[in-house]
C-alpha cells in the first residue's frame, strides 16, 4: 500500500476516533473535578455544541 493511501485512511478513520476518545476522556475528567456550578456550565456548553452540530449537519445535508 502506498503511503498516501495509508495517510488518507488515517485521516478519515483513525484521527476522528482518537479525537472522540480524547474528548470523552477530557469531558469526564473535568466533570469529576468540577463544582456543581462547573458541572452546569459543562452541561450547558455540551447542549449548545450538540444543537450547533445538529443544525450544521442538517444545513449541510439540505444545502
Protein backbone atom coordinates (compact mmCIF):
# COMPACT_ATOMS: atom_id res chain seq x y z
CA UNK A 1 0.00 0.00 0.00
CA UNK A 2 1.11 3.47 -0.77
CA UNK A 3 1.92 5.99 1.94
CA UNK A 4 -0.76 8.33 0.55
CA UNK A 5 -3.45 5.67 0.91
CA UNK A 6 -2.40 4.93 4.47
CA UNK A 7 -2.43 8.66 5.34
CA UNK A 8 -5.92 9.08 3.83
CA UNK A 9 -7.20 6.11 5.84
CA UNK A 10 -5.63 7.52 8.99
CA UNK A 11 -7.11 10.98 8.46
CA UNK A 12 -10.57 9.67 7.58
CA UNK A 13 -10.96 6.96 10.22
CA UNK A 14 -8.30 6.80 12.91
CA UNK A 15 -7.98 10.53 13.64
CA UNK A 16 -11.71 11.13 14.29
CA UNK A 17 -11.89 8.09 16.56
CA UNK A 18 -8.84 9.28 18.51
CA UNK A 19 -10.28 12.80 18.81
CA UNK A 20 -13.60 11.41 20.05
CA UNK A 21 -11.90 9.27 22.70
CA UNK A 22 -9.78 12.25 23.81
CA UNK A 23 -12.87 14.48 24.01
CA UNK A 24 -14.81 11.94 26.09
CA UNK A 25 -11.85 11.46 28.41
CA UNK A 26 -11.37 15.22 28.78
CA UNK A 27 -15.04 15.87 29.49
CA UNK A 28 -15.21 13.09 32.08
CA UNK A 29 -12.00 14.35 33.71
CA UNK A 30 -13.29 17.93 34.02
CA UNK A 31 -16.73 16.66 35.08
CA UNK A 32 -15.36 14.69 38.04
CA UNK A 33 -13.07 17.55 39.14
CA UNK A 34 -15.58 20.39 38.96
CA UNK A 35 -18.02 22.01 41.35
CA UNK A 36 -21.80 21.84 40.87
CA UNK A 37 -21.68 25.25 39.15
CA UNK A 38 -18.93 23.98 36.86
CA UNK A 39 -20.99 20.91 36.02
CA UNK A 40 -23.91 23.12 35.00
CA UNK A 41 -21.58 25.13 32.77
CA UNK A 42 -20.16 21.99 31.18
CA UNK A 43 -23.66 20.59 30.59
CA UNK A 44 -24.84 23.88 29.06
CA UNK A 45 -21.79 24.00 26.79
CA UNK A 46 -22.34 20.43 25.64
CA UNK A 47 -26.02 21.10 24.91
CA UNK A 48 -25.13 24.19 22.87
CA UNK A 49 -22.42 22.27 20.98
CA UNK A 50 -24.90 19.46 20.25
CA UNK A 51 -27.52 21.90 18.93
CA UNK A 52 -24.94 23.65 16.74
CA UNK A 53 -23.61 20.32 15.45
CA UNK A 54 -27.07 19.02 14.57
CA UNK A 55 -28.04 22.31 12.92
CA UNK A 56 -24.82 22.39 10.89
CA UNK A 57 -25.30 18.78 9.81
CA UNK A 58 -28.88 19.41 8.71
CA UNK A 59 -27.81 22.57 6.87
CA UNK A 60 -25.01 20.77 5.03
CA UNK A 61 -27.27 17.84 4.10
CA UNK A 62 -30.01 20.01 2.62
CA UNK A 63 -27.77 22.64 1.04
